C-alpha atoms as a PDB file:
ATOM      1  CA  MET A   1      -0.468 -13.421 -40.316  1.00  0.00           C
ATOM      2  CA  LYS A   2       1.356 -14.715 -43.373  1.00  0.00           C
ATOM      3  CA  GLU A   3       2.001 -12.195 -46.169  1.00  0.00           C
ATOM      4  CA  LEU A   4       0.213 -12.824 -49.432  1.00  0.00           C
ATOM      5  CA  THR A   5       2.386 -13.631 -52.439  1.00  0.00           C
ATOM      6  CA  THR A   6       1.269 -10.451 -54.219  1.00  0.00           C
ATOM      7  CA  ASP A   7       2.180  -8.360 -51.152  1.00  0.00           C
ATOM      8  CA  ILE A   8       5.624  -9.971 -51.026  1.00  0.00           C
ATOM      9  CA  GLY A   9       6.085  -9.433 -54.765  1.00  0.00           C
ATOM     10  CA  ARG A  10       5.063  -5.789 -54.510  1.00  0.00           C
ATOM     11  CA  LYS A  11       7.428  -5.240 -51.562  1.00  0.00           C
ATOM     12  CA  TYR A  12      10.432  -6.527 -53.500  1.00  0.00           C
ATOM     13  CA  GLU A  13       9.420  -4.770 -56.716  1.00  0.00           C
ATOM     14  CA  ASP A  14       9.363  -1.523 -54.704  1.00  0.00           C
ATOM     15  CA  GLU A  15      12.816  -2.414 -53.376  1.00  0.00           C
ATOM     16  CA  ALA A  16      14.006  -2.956 -56.960  1.00  0.00           C
ATOM     17  CA  VAL A  17      12.524   0.416 -58.009  1.00  0.00           C
ATOM     18  CA  ASN A  18      14.430   2.158 -55.203  1.00  0.00           C
ATOM     19  CA  PHE A  19      17.604   0.320 -56.221  1.00  0.00           C
ATOM     20  CA  LEU A  20      17.226   1.480 -59.848  1.00  0.00           C
ATOM     21  CA  LYS A  21      16.457   5.070 -58.815  1.00  0.00           C
ATOM     22  CA  LYS A  22      19.752   5.146 -56.889  1.00  0.00           C
ATOM     23  CA  LEU A  23      21.433   4.218 -60.190  1.00  0.00           C
ATOM     24  CA  ASN A  24      19.680   7.209 -61.842  1.00  0.00           C
ATOM     25  CA  TYR A  25      17.173   5.133 -63.792  1.00  0.00           C
ATOM     26  CA  LYS A  26      13.923   6.926 -64.566  1.00  0.00           C
ATOM     27  CA  ILE A  27      10.966   4.702 -63.688  1.00  0.00           C
ATOM     28  CA  ILE A  28       8.337   4.826 -66.453  1.00  0.00           C
ATOM     29  CA  GLU A  29       5.888   2.178 -65.221  1.00  0.00           C
ATOM     30  CA  GLN A  30       5.548  -0.478 -62.579  1.00  0.00           C
ATOM     31  CA  ASN A  31       3.420  -3.619 -62.953  1.00  0.00           C
ATOM     32  CA  PHE A  32       2.500  -2.993 -66.573  1.00  0.00           C
ATOM     33  CA  LYS A  33      -0.141  -5.557 -67.488  1.00  0.00           C
ATOM     34  CA  LEU A  34      -1.240  -6.434 -70.988  1.00  0.00           C
ATOM     35  CA  LEU A  35      -3.777  -9.213 -70.835  1.00  0.00           C
ATOM     36  CA  PRO A  36      -3.634 -11.968 -71.959  1.00  0.00           C
ATOM     37  CA  MET A  37       0.051 -11.419 -72.892  1.00  0.00           C
ATOM     38  CA  GLY A  38       1.631 -10.888 -69.529  1.00  0.00           C
ATOM     39  CA  GLU A  39       3.125  -8.423 -67.111  1.00  0.00           C
ATOM     40  CA  ILE A  40       6.331  -6.441 -66.845  1.00  0.00           C
ATOM     41  CA  ASP A  41       7.448  -5.663 -63.315  1.00  0.00           C
ATOM     42  CA  ILE A  42       9.321  -2.441 -64.113  1.00  0.00           C
ATOM     43  CA  ILE A  43       9.791  -0.338 -67.234  1.00  0.00           C
ATOM     44  CA  ALA A  44      12.570   2.207 -66.848  1.00  0.00           C
ATOM     45  CA  LYS A  45      14.977   4.412 -68.782  1.00  0.00           C
ATOM     46  CA  ASP A  46      18.732   4.008 -68.401  1.00  0.00           C
ATOM     47  CA  LYS A  47      20.022   7.052 -70.254  1.00  0.00           C
ATOM     48  CA  ASN A  48      18.635   6.469 -73.798  1.00  0.00           C
ATOM     49  CA  THR A  49      17.800   2.782 -73.331  1.00  0.00           C
ATOM     50  CA  LEU A  50      14.333   1.531 -72.452  1.00  0.00           C
ATOM     51  CA  VAL A  51      14.759  -1.262 -69.909  1.00  0.00           C
ATOM     52  CA  PHE A  52      12.214  -3.962 -69.143  1.00  0.00           C
ATOM     53  CA  VAL A  53      12.951  -5.450 -65.721  1.00  0.00           C
ATOM     54  CA  GLU A  54      11.827  -8.757 -64.263  1.00  0.00           C
ATOM     55  CA  VAL A  55      12.135  -8.904 -60.474  1.00  0.00           C
ATOM     56  CA  LYS A  56      12.614 -12.249 -58.738  1.00  0.00           C
ATOM     57  CA  TYR A  57      12.763 -12.842 -54.994  1.00  0.00           C
ATOM     58  CA  ARG A  58      13.586 -15.980 -53.037  1.00  0.00           C
ATOM     59  CA  LYS A  59      14.020 -16.466 -49.279  1.00  0.00           C
ATOM     60  CA  ASN A  60      17.172 -18.496 -49.847  1.00  0.00           C
ATOM     61  CA  LYS A  61      19.271 -20.103 -52.581  1.00  0.00           C
ATOM     62  CA  ASN A  62      18.530 -23.712 -51.608  1.00  0.00           C
ATOM     63  CA  PHE A  63      17.035 -24.387 -55.053  1.00  0.00           C
ATOM     64  CA  GLY A  64      19.074 -21.854 -57.034  1.00  0.00           C
ATOM     65  CA  THR A  65      19.346 -18.103 -57.349  1.00  0.00           C
ATOM     66  CA  PRO A  66      16.191 -16.048 -57.895  1.00  0.00           C
ATOM     67  CA  ALA A  67      17.381 -15.191 -61.422  1.00  0.00           C
ATOM     68  CA  GLU A  68      17.403 -18.888 -62.305  1.00  0.00           C
ATOM     69  CA  PHE A  69      13.617 -18.857 -61.852  1.00  0.00           C
ATOM     70  CA  VAL A  70      13.179 -16.520 -64.839  1.00  0.00           C
ATOM     71  CA  THR A  71      12.405 -19.393 -67.187  1.00  0.00           C
ATOM     72  CA  LYS A  72      12.471 -19.332 -70.991  1.00  0.00           C
ATOM     73  CA  ALA A  73       8.658 -19.305 -70.938  1.00  0.00           C
ATOM     74  CA  LYS A  74       8.666 -16.260 -68.625  1.00  0.00           C
ATOM     75  CA  GLN A  75      11.264 -14.528 -70.796  1.00  0.00           C
ATOM     76  CA  LYS A  76       9.116 -15.110 -73.865  1.00  0.00           C
ATOM     77  CA  LYS A  77       6.041 -13.592 -72.128  1.00  0.00           C
ATOM     78  CA  VAL A  78       8.018 -10.551 -71.009  1.00  0.00           C
ATOM     79  CA  ILE A  79       9.466 -10.054 -74.500  1.00  0.00           C
ATOM     80  CA  LYS A  80       6.054 -10.354 -76.198  1.00  0.00           C
ATOM     81  CA  THR A  81       4.516  -7.920 -73.711  1.00  0.00           C
ATOM     82  CA  ALA A  82       7.436  -5.505 -74.158  1.00  0.00           C
ATOM     83  CA  LEU A  83       7.149  -5.594 -77.940  1.00  0.00           C
ATOM     84  CA  CYS A  84       3.437  -4.798 -77.678  1.00  0.00           C
ATOM     85  CA  TYR A  85       4.241  -1.943 -75.280  1.00  0.00           C
ATOM     86  CA  ILE A  86       6.791  -0.578 -77.772  1.00  0.00           C
ATOM     87  CA  LYS A  87       4.337  -0.818 -80.660  1.00  0.00           C
ATOM     88  CA  GLN A  88       1.437   0.675 -78.647  1.00  0.00           C
ATOM     89  CA  ASN A  89       3.540   3.645 -77.554  1.00  0.00           C
ATOM     90  CA  LYS A  90       5.369   4.055 -80.886  1.00  0.00           C
ATOM     91  CA  ILE A  91       8.731   3.904 -79.128  1.00  0.00           C
ATOM     92  CA  LYS A  92      11.924   4.291 -81.101  1.00  0.00           C
ATOM     93  CA  ALA A  93      14.720   3.509 -78.663  1.00  0.00           C
ATOM     94  CA  ASP A  94      17.261   0.887 -77.791  1.00  0.00           C
ATOM     95  CA  ILE A  95      15.778  -1.736 -75.490  1.00  0.00           C
ATOM     96  CA  ARG A  96      17.183  -4.116 -72.930  1.00  0.00           C
ATOM     97  CA  PHE A  97      15.851  -6.896 -70.700  1.00  0.00           C
ATOM     98  CA  ASP A  98      17.265  -6.991 -67.175  1.00  0.00           C
ATOM     99  CA  VAL A  99      16.631  -9.148 -64.133  1.00  0.00           C
ATOM    100  CA  ILE A 100      16.847  -7.974 -60.547  1.00  0.00           C
ATOM    101  CA  SER A 101      17.438 -10.940 -58.283  1.00  0.00           C
ATOM    102  CA  ILE A 102      16.729 -10.451 -54.567  1.00  0.00           C
ATOM    103  CA  CYS A 103      17.643 -13.000 -51.910  1.00  0.00           C
ATOM    104  CA  GLN A 104      17.304 -11.841 -48.318  1.00  0.00           C
ATOM    105  CA  THR A 105      19.266  -8.525 -48.294  1.00  0.00           C
ATOM    106  CA  GLU A 106      21.320  -9.272 -51.415  1.00  0.00           C
ATOM    107  CA  ILE A 107      20.336  -7.528 -54.666  1.00  0.00           C
ATOM    108  CA  GLU A 108      21.888  -8.572 -57.975  1.00  0.00           C
ATOM    109  CA  HIS A 109      21.204  -6.540 -61.118  1.00  0.00           C
ATOM    110  CA  ILE A 110      21.757  -8.562 -64.289  1.00  0.00           C
ATOM    111  CA  LYS A 111      21.838  -6.307 -67.342  1.00  0.00           C
ATOM    112  CA  ASN A 112      20.971  -7.922 -70.691  1.00  0.00           C
ATOM    113  CA  ALA A 113      19.791 -11.000 -68.810  1.00  0.00           C
ATOM    114  CA  PHE A 114      17.946 -12.214 -71.898  1.00  0.00           C
ATOM    115  CA  CYS A 115      17.087 -10.984 -75.359  1.00  0.00           C
ATOM    116  CA  PRO A 116      14.503 -11.610 -78.080  1.00  0.00           C
ATOM    117  CA  ASP A 117      15.163 -14.593 -80.310  1.00  0.00           C
ATOM    118  CA  THR A 118      15.349 -14.042 -84.036  1.00  0.00           C
ATOM    119  CA  TYR A 119      11.745 -15.154 -84.562  1.00  0.00           C
ATOM    120  CA  PHE A 120      10.446 -12.008 -82.845  1.00  0.00           C
ATOM    121  CA  THR A 121       9.915  -9.083 -85.174  1.00  0.00           C
ATOM    122  CA  TYR A 122       9.967  -5.438 -84.138  1.00  0.00           C
END
């Protein structure tokens, strides 16, 4: 039976969580949803920095790396959702947006993969 897309996504998000834990990140939330804004795959702490992580998986790199599929539109949704999360929880901390790219058994962690444009206000 073929795995459902959500099952595959969850599997690789769990893999990303385990990867971050090995780097001593503290996982705050997984699959944070704020409708209709969007979803953040992982929210974690790296020392004093709050990190919002987008996880992307691809079977192969025939059409590019998984990270290349984190489009500007997706980045914007993640940033808007993160800013709402920060406001909702009255967080005063440095923030960062990372991408974890998974292709087969290869995991790439891209720190500061994207950042809010100047038109976003905190």
